[in-house]
C-alpha atoms as a PDB file:
ATOM      1  CA  MET A   1       9.383  -2.772   1.117  1.00  0.00           C
ATOM      2  CA  SER A   2       8.441  -0.221  -1.508  1.00  0.00           C
ATOM      3  CA  GLY A   3       9.732   2.884  -3.260  1.00  0.00           C
ATOM      4  CA  VAL A   4       8.724   5.176  -0.397  1.00  0.00           C
ATOM      5  CA  VAL A   5      12.003   4.701   1.499  1.00  0.00           C
ATOM      6  CA  MET A   6      14.114   7.853   1.371  1.00  0.00           C
ATOM      7  CA  SER A   7      17.821   7.046   1.101  1.00  0.00           C
ATOM      8  CA  GLY A   8      19.865   8.810   3.772  1.00  0.00           C
ATOM      9  CA  ALA A   9      16.799  10.513   5.222  1.00  0.00           C
ATOM     10  CA  ASP A  10      16.663  11.849   8.751  1.00  0.00           C
ATOM     11  CA  PRO A  11      15.008   9.203  10.980  1.00  0.00           C
ATOM     12  CA  LYS A  12      12.375  11.562  12.382  1.00  0.00           C
ATOM     13  CA  ALA A  13      11.498  12.752   8.898  1.00  0.00           C
ATOM     14  CA  MET A  14      11.005   9.123   7.815  1.00  0.00           C
ATOM     15  CA  PHE A  15       8.916   8.384  10.889  1.00  0.00           C
ATOM     16  CA  THR A  16       6.730  11.395  10.261  1.00  0.00           C
ATOM     17  CA  ALA A  17       6.242  10.382   6.630  1.00  0.00           C
ATOM     18  CA  TYR A  18       5.335   6.851   7.744  1.00  0.00           C
ATOM     19  CA  THR A  19       2.734   8.004  10.248  1.00  0.00           C
ATOM     20  CA  ASP A  20       1.263  10.309   7.597  1.00  0.00           C
ATOM     21  CA  ARG A  21       0.953   7.421   5.116  1.00  0.00           C
ATOM     22  CA  LEU A  22      -0.576   5.152   7.734  1.00  0.00           C
ATOM     23  CA  ALA A  23      -3.087   7.776   8.872  1.00  0.00           C
ATOM     24  CA  ALA A  24      -4.087   8.524   5.282  1.00  0.00           C
ATOM     25  CA  ALA A  25      -4.506   4.807   4.535  1.00  0.00           C
ATOM     26  CA  LEU A  26      -6.685   4.284   7.604  1.00  0.00           C
ATOM     27  CA  LYS A  27      -8.963   7.104   6.491  1.00  0.00           C
ATOM     28  CA  ARG A  28      -9.448   5.320   3.148  1.00  0.00           C
ATOM     29  CA  LEU A  29     -10.651   2.073   4.718  1.00  0.00           C
ATOM     30  CA  ASP A  30     -14.064   0.946   3.488  1.00  0.00           C
ATOM     31  CA  LEU A  31     -15.778   0.766   6.877  1.00  0.00           C
ATOM     32  CA  ASP A  32     -18.900  -0.769   5.342  1.00  0.00           C
ATOM     33  CA  ALA A  33     -16.794  -3.752   4.273  1.00  0.00           C
ATOM     34  CA  VAL A  34     -15.127  -3.866   7.694  1.00  0.00           C
ATOM     35  CA  GLU A  35     -18.571  -3.922   9.307  1.00  0.00           C
ATOM     36  CA  ARG A  36     -19.610  -6.833   7.064  1.00  0.00           C
ATOM     37  CA  LEU A  37     -16.599  -8.763   8.337  1.00  0.00           C
ATOM     38  CA  ALA A  38     -17.412  -7.814  11.933  1.00  0.00           C
ATOM     39  CA  GLN A  39     -20.995  -9.015  11.578  1.00  0.00           C
ATOM     40  CA  ALA A  40     -19.854 -12.239   9.908  1.00  0.00           C
ATOM     41  CA  LEU A  41     -17.499 -12.930  12.823  1.00  0.00           C
ATOM     42  CA  LYS A  42     -20.242 -12.212  15.350  1.00  0.00           C
ATOM     43  CA  SER A  43     -22.512 -14.635  13.506  1.00  0.00           C
ATOM     44  CA  CYS A  44     -19.786 -17.305  13.603  1.00  0.00           C
ATOM     45  CA  TRP A  45     -19.335 -16.666  17.312  1.00  0.00           C
ATOM     46  CA  GLN A  46     -23.042 -17.091  17.973  1.00  0.00           C
ATOM     47  CA  SER A  47     -23.472 -20.187  15.830  1.00  0.00           C
ATOM     48  CA  GLY A  48     -20.174 -21.982  16.468  1.00  0.00           C
ATOM     49  CA  ARG A  49     -19.103 -21.771  12.823  1.00  0.00           C
ATOM     50  CA  GLN A  50     -15.367 -21.558  12.183  1.00  0.00           C
ATOM     51  CA  VAL A  51     -13.089 -18.735  11.015  1.00  0.00           C
ATOM     52  CA  PHE A  52      -9.874 -19.465   9.121  1.00  0.00           C
ATOM     53  CA  LEU A  53      -7.125 -16.848   8.696  1.00  0.00           C
ATOM     54  CA  VAL A  54      -4.309 -17.069   6.131  1.00  0.00           C
ATOM     55  CA  GLY A  55      -1.353 -15.009   4.942  1.00  0.00           C
ATOM     56  CA  ASN A  56       2.352 -15.161   4.088  1.00  0.00           C
ATOM     57  CA  GLY A  57       5.296 -13.721   5.996  1.00  0.00           C
ATOM     58  CA  GLY A  58       4.188 -10.802   8.140  1.00  0.00           C
ATOM     59  CA  SER A  59       0.627 -11.382   7.006  1.00  0.00           C
ATOM     60  CA  ALA A  60       0.830 -14.953   8.333  1.00  0.00           C
ATOM     61  CA  GLY A  61       2.004 -13.540  11.652  1.00  0.00           C
ATOM     62  CA  ASN A  62      -0.960 -11.176  11.659  1.00  0.00           C
ATOM     63  CA  ALA A  63      -3.330 -14.054  10.880  1.00  0.00           C
ATOM     64  CA  MET A  64      -2.033 -16.079  13.827  1.00  0.00           C
ATOM     65  CA  HIS A  65      -2.095 -13.062  16.145  1.00  0.00           C
ATOM     66  CA  LEU A  66      -5.735 -12.352  15.322  1.00  0.00           C
ATOM     67  CA  ALA A  67      -6.727 -16.020  15.620  1.00  0.00           C
ATOM     68  CA  ASN A  68      -5.421 -15.791  19.186  1.00  0.00           C
ATOM     69  CA  ASP A  69      -7.454 -12.628  19.797  1.00  0.00           C
ATOM     70  CA  TYR A  70     -10.648 -14.208  18.476  1.00  0.00           C
ATOM     71  CA  VAL A  71     -10.240 -17.465  20.401  1.00  0.00           C
ATOM     72  CA  TYR A  72      -9.862 -15.755  23.775  1.00  0.00           C
ATOM     73  CA  ALA A  73      -9.097 -12.051  24.051  1.00  0.00           C
ATOM     74  CA  LEU A  74     -12.383 -10.775  22.564  1.00  0.00           C
ATOM     75  CA  SER A  75     -14.304 -12.383  25.431  1.00  0.00           C
ATOM     76  CA  LYS A  76     -11.876 -13.142  28.291  1.00  0.00           C
ATOM     77  CA  ARG A  77     -14.277 -15.938  29.219  1.00  0.00           C
ATOM     78  CA  PRO A  78     -12.866 -19.463  28.815  1.00  0.00           C
ATOM     79  CA  GLY A  79     -14.900 -21.431  26.302  1.00  0.00           C
ATOM     80  CA  SER A  80     -16.621 -18.346  24.914  1.00  0.00           C
ATOM     81  CA  GLY A  81     -14.455 -17.354  21.947  1.00  0.00           C
ATOM     82  CA  ILE A  82     -14.702 -17.777  18.198  1.00  0.00           C
ATOM     83  CA  ARG A  83     -13.510 -21.077  16.715  1.00  0.00           C
ATOM     84  CA  ALA A  84     -10.656 -19.319  14.879  1.00  0.00           C
ATOM     85  CA  HIS A  85      -7.673 -20.990  13.212  1.00  0.00           C
ATOM     86  CA  GLY A  86      -4.484 -19.395  11.875  1.00  0.00           C
ATOM     87  CA  LEU A  87      -3.569 -21.910   9.170  1.00  0.00           C
ATOM     88  CA  ALA A  88       0.143 -21.030   9.191  1.00  0.00           C
ATOM     89  CA  ALA A  89       0.455 -22.024  12.855  1.00  0.00           C
ATOM     90  CA  ASN A  90       1.270 -25.740  12.466  1.00  0.00           C
ATOM     91  CA  PRO A  91       4.703 -26.075  10.832  1.00  0.00           C
ATOM     92  CA  SER A  92       4.372 -29.848  10.459  1.00  0.00           C
ATOM     93  CA  VAL A  93       1.215 -29.470   8.377  1.00  0.00           C
ATOM     94  CA  VAL A  94       2.530 -26.486   6.390  1.00  0.00           C
ATOM     95  CA  THR A  95       5.868 -28.111   5.543  1.00  0.00           C
ATOM     96  CA  CYS A  96       4.255 -31.464   4.724  1.00  0.00           C
ATOM     97  CA  LEU A  97       1.826 -29.876   2.282  1.00  0.00           C
ATOM     98  CA  ALA A  98       4.503 -27.618   0.807  1.00  0.00           C
ATOM     99  CA  ASN A  99       6.800 -30.591   0.260  1.00  0.00           C
ATOM    100  CA  ASP A 100       4.223 -33.064  -1.032  1.00  0.00           C
ATOM    101  CA  GLU A 101       1.713 -30.839  -2.860  1.00  0.00           C
ATOM    102  CA  GLY A 102       3.505 -27.514  -3.385  1.00  0.00           C
ATOM    103  CA  TYR A 103       3.464 -24.266  -1.445  1.00  0.00           C
ATOM    104  CA  ASP A 104       0.524 -22.996  -3.481  1.00  0.00           C
ATOM    105  CA  SER A 105      -1.686 -25.626  -1.799  1.00  0.00           C
ATOM    106  CA  ILE A 106      -0.766 -25.194   1.883  1.00  0.00           C
ATOM    107  CA  TYR A 107      -4.015 -23.420   2.768  1.00  0.00           C
ATOM    108  CA  ALA A 108      -6.462 -24.818   0.217  1.00  0.00           C
ATOM    109  CA  ILE A 109      -5.850 -28.413   1.345  1.00  0.00           C
ATOM    110  CA  GLN A 110      -6.305 -27.507   5.009  1.00  0.00           C
ATOM    111  CA  LEU A 111      -9.580 -25.793   4.156  1.00  0.00           C
ATOM    112  CA  ALA A 112     -10.721 -28.817   2.143  1.00  0.00           C
ATOM    113  CA  VAL A 113     -10.274 -30.968   5.269  1.00  0.00           C
ATOM    114  CA  MET A 114     -11.507 -28.663   8.018  1.00  0.00           C
ATOM    115  CA  ALA A 115     -13.845 -26.020   6.616  1.00  0.00           C
ATOM    116  CA  ARG A 116     -17.577 -26.383   6.059  1.00  0.00           C
ATOM    117  CA  PRO A 117     -20.202 -24.330   4.212  1.00  0.00           C
ATOM    118  CA  GLY A 118     -20.987 -21.175   6.146  1.00  0.00           C
ATOM    119  CA  ASP A 119     -17.510 -20.890   7.684  1.00  0.00           C
ATOM    120  CA  VAL A 120     -15.505 -17.703   7.084  1.00  0.00           C
ATOM    121  CA  LEU A 121     -12.100 -17.234   5.448  1.00  0.00           C
ATOM    122  CA  ILE A 122     -10.050 -14.096   6.110  1.00  0.00           C
ATOM    123  CA  ALA A 123      -7.094 -13.709   3.732  1.00  0.00           C
ATOM    124  CA  PHE A 124      -4.352 -11.166   4.379  1.00  0.00           C
ATOM    125  CA  SER A 125      -2.162 -10.187   1.424  1.00  0.00           C
ATOM    126  CA  GLY A 126      -0.194  -7.102   0.571  1.00  0.00           C
ATOM    127  CA  SER A 127      -0.168  -7.732  -3.175  1.00  0.00           C
ATOM    128  CA  GLY A 128      -3.297  -9.844  -3.508  1.00  0.00           C
ATOM    129  CA  ASN A 129      -1.428 -12.105  -5.932  1.00  0.00           C
ATOM    130  CA  SER A 130       0.152 -14.804  -3.753  1.00  0.00           C
ATOM    131  CA  PRO A 131      -0.762 -18.144  -5.365  1.00  0.00           C
ATOM    132  CA  ASN A 132      -1.546 -19.872  -2.066  1.00  0.00           C
ATOM    133  CA  ILE A 133      -3.932 -17.040  -1.107  1.00  0.00           C
ATOM    134  CA  LEU A 134      -5.675 -17.262  -4.482  1.00  0.00           C
ATOM    135  CA  ARG A 135      -6.005 -21.048  -4.138  1.00  0.00           C
ATOM    136  CA  ALA A 136      -7.449 -20.609  -0.649  1.00  0.00           C
ATOM    137  CA  LEU A 137     -10.042 -18.134  -1.939  1.00  0.00           C
ATOM    138  CA  GLU A 138     -10.970 -20.520  -4.745  1.00  0.00           C
ATOM    139  CA  GLU A 139     -11.311 -23.406  -2.315  1.00  0.00           C
ATOM    140  CA  ALA A 140     -13.472 -21.274  -0.002  1.00  0.00           C
ATOM    141  CA  LYS A 141     -15.815 -20.601  -2.911  1.00  0.00           C
ATOM    142  CA  ARG A 142     -15.965 -24.321  -3.770  1.00  0.00           C
ATOM    143  CA  ILE A 143     -16.810 -25.228  -0.172  1.00  0.00           C
ATOM    144  CA  GLY A 144     -19.445 -22.522   0.238  1.00  0.00           C
ATOM    145  CA  MET A 145     -17.580 -20.356   2.738  1.00  0.00           C
ATOM    146  CA  THR A 146     -17.777 -16.579   2.881  1.00  0.00           C
ATOM    147  CA  SER A 147     -14.408 -15.029   2.067  1.00  0.00           C
ATOM    148  CA  PHE A 148     -12.904 -11.682   3.018  1.00  0.00           C
ATOM    149  CA  ALA A 149      -9.515 -10.348   1.843  1.00  0.00           C
ATOM    150  CA  VAL A 150      -7.627  -7.435   3.392  1.00  0.00           C
ATOM    151  CA  LEU A 151      -5.410  -6.120   0.607  1.00  0.00           C
ATOM    152  CA  GLY A 152      -2.928  -3.398  -0.282  1.00  0.00           C
ATOM    153  CA  PHE A 153      -1.268  -2.286  -3.535  1.00  0.00           C
ATOM    154  CA  SER A 154      -3.687  -2.841  -6.462  1.00  0.00           C
ATOM    155  CA  GLY A 155      -5.585  -5.592  -4.652  1.00  0.00           C
ATOM    156  CA  GLY A 156      -4.338  -8.089  -7.237  1.00  0.00           C
ATOM    157  CA  LYS A 157      -6.390 -11.078  -8.339  1.00  0.00           C
ATOM    158  CA  ALA A 158      -7.638 -11.615  -4.782  1.00  0.00           C
ATOM    159  CA  LYS A 159      -9.753  -8.468  -5.011  1.00  0.00           C
ATOM    160  CA  ALA A 160     -12.038 -10.134  -7.535  1.00  0.00           C
ATOM    161  CA  LEU A 161     -11.946 -13.601  -5.934  1.00  0.00           C
ATOM    162  CA  ALA A 162     -12.955 -12.563  -2.421  1.00  0.00           C
ATOM    163  CA  ASP A 163     -16.641 -12.199  -1.630  1.00  0.00           C
ATOM    164  CA  VAL A 164     -15.825  -9.026   0.304  1.00  0.00           C
ATOM    165  CA  PRO A 165     -12.504  -7.295  -0.434  1.00  0.00           C
ATOM    166  CA  ILE A 166     -11.236  -4.730   2.070  1.00  0.00           C
ATOM    167  CA  HIS A 167      -8.768  -2.890  -0.117  1.00  0.00           C
ATOM    168  CA  VAL A 168      -6.634   0.199   0.361  1.00  0.00           C
ATOM    169  CA  ALA A 169      -4.418   1.079  -2.612  1.00  0.00           C
ATOM    170  CA  ILE A 170      -1.168   1.722  -0.735  1.00  0.00           C
ATOM    171  CA  ASP A 171       2.179   0.843  -2.338  1.00  0.00           C
ATOM    172  CA  ASP A 172       3.860   0.117   0.974  1.00  0.00           C
ATOM    173  CA  MET A 173       4.008  -3.418   2.366  1.00  0.00           C
ATOM    174  CA  GLN A 174       4.534  -2.348   5.954  1.00  0.00           C
ATOM    175  CA  VAL A 175       1.537  -0.011   5.941  1.00  0.00           C
ATOM    176  CA  ALA A 176      -0.522  -2.706   4.182  1.00  0.00           C
ATOM    177  CA  GLU A 177       0.334  -5.118   7.005  1.00  0.00           C
ATOM    178  CA  ASP A 178      -0.436  -2.472   9.632  1.00  0.00           C
ATOM    179  CA  LEU A 179      -3.893  -2.102   8.077  1.00  0.00           C
ATOM    180  CA  GLN A 180      -4.507  -5.840   8.482  1.00  0.00           C
ATOM    181  CA  MET A 181      -3.931  -5.547  12.221  1.00  0.00           C
ATOM    182  CA  ALA A 182      -5.949  -2.346  12.495  1.00  0.00           C
ATOM    183  CA  VAL A 183      -8.935  -4.001  10.827  1.00  0.00           C
ATOM    184  CA  GLY A 184      -8.590  -7.075  13.034  1.00  0.00           C
ATOM    185  CA  HIS A 185      -8.210  -5.100  16.240  1.00  0.00           C
ATOM    186  CA  MET A 186     -11.039  -2.650  15.622  1.00  0.00           C
ATOM    187  CA  ILE A 187     -13.340  -5.616  15.009  1.00  0.00           C
ATOM    188  CA  MET A 188     -12.033  -7.361  18.124  1.00  0.00           C
ATOM    189  CA  GLN A 189     -12.812  -4.315  20.265  1.00  0.00           C
ATOM    190  CA  TRP A 190     -16.347  -4.128  18.862  1.00  0.00           C
ATOM    191  CA  LEU A 191     -16.880  -7.856  19.397  1.00  0.00           C
ATOM    192  CA  TYR A 192     -15.791  -7.430  23.022  1.00  0.00           C
ATOM    193  CA  THR A 193     -18.757  -5.105  23.512  1.00  0.00           C
ATOM    194  CA  GLN A 194     -21.050  -7.827  22.107  1.00  0.00           C
ATOM    195  CA  ARG A 195     -19.981 -10.640  24.426  1.00  0.00           C
ATOM    196  CA  ASP A 196     -22.981 -10.368  26.798  1.00  0.00           C
ATOM    197  CA  ALA A 197     -25.443 -10.512  23.890  1.00  0.00           C
ATOM    198  CA  VAL A 198     -23.587 -13.484  22.377  1.00  0.00           C
ATOM    199  CA  GLN A 199     -23.580 -15.305  25.711  1.00  0.00           C
ATOM    200  CA  ALA A 200     -27.285 -14.598  26.243  1.00  0.00           C
ATOM    201  CA  ALA A 201     -28.108 -16.061  22.844  1.00  0.00           C
ATOM    202  CA  ALA A 202     -26.022 -19.184  23.400  1.00  0.00           C
END
């Protein structure tokens, strides 16, 4: 939550203000950076390289949602999707790593085990300063992955760590999380149009 909430405001006035903020934020998206992510995902799809998605809270939910979309919904052809993994999805792994190694390491250690050079990391963070997101971006660099970060607020430290930041300076966590899904879904819809070409190249 941020300082945009108007105490005692009329609901429709708040809803109108929200839609205005969201529309303005969408117009500020760097579509060149979004296209770079889209092309990277298409390349992973064609080659069989993996995509890992990470976030915290609502951003973790978005990461898992989009992993589902990339595994199946972008193609609707069993066996044809991207090898996508939402790293918050296994509570046994997450809680084990949090307990034994610390919450800051829950994604970096999973990447160290599963990721390979040429794989893609997509990090979702409102602030861009969550320690586990920063550790994941650092680990991606060590492995030789390509990293993308979809960020709100100032972009935080993640803006400099990611190979390709997709940043909109919006001081509103809910709008920042909406942007994560918008980026993921617009790419998914484009990838759906590419499925015949991907299949032909397989």
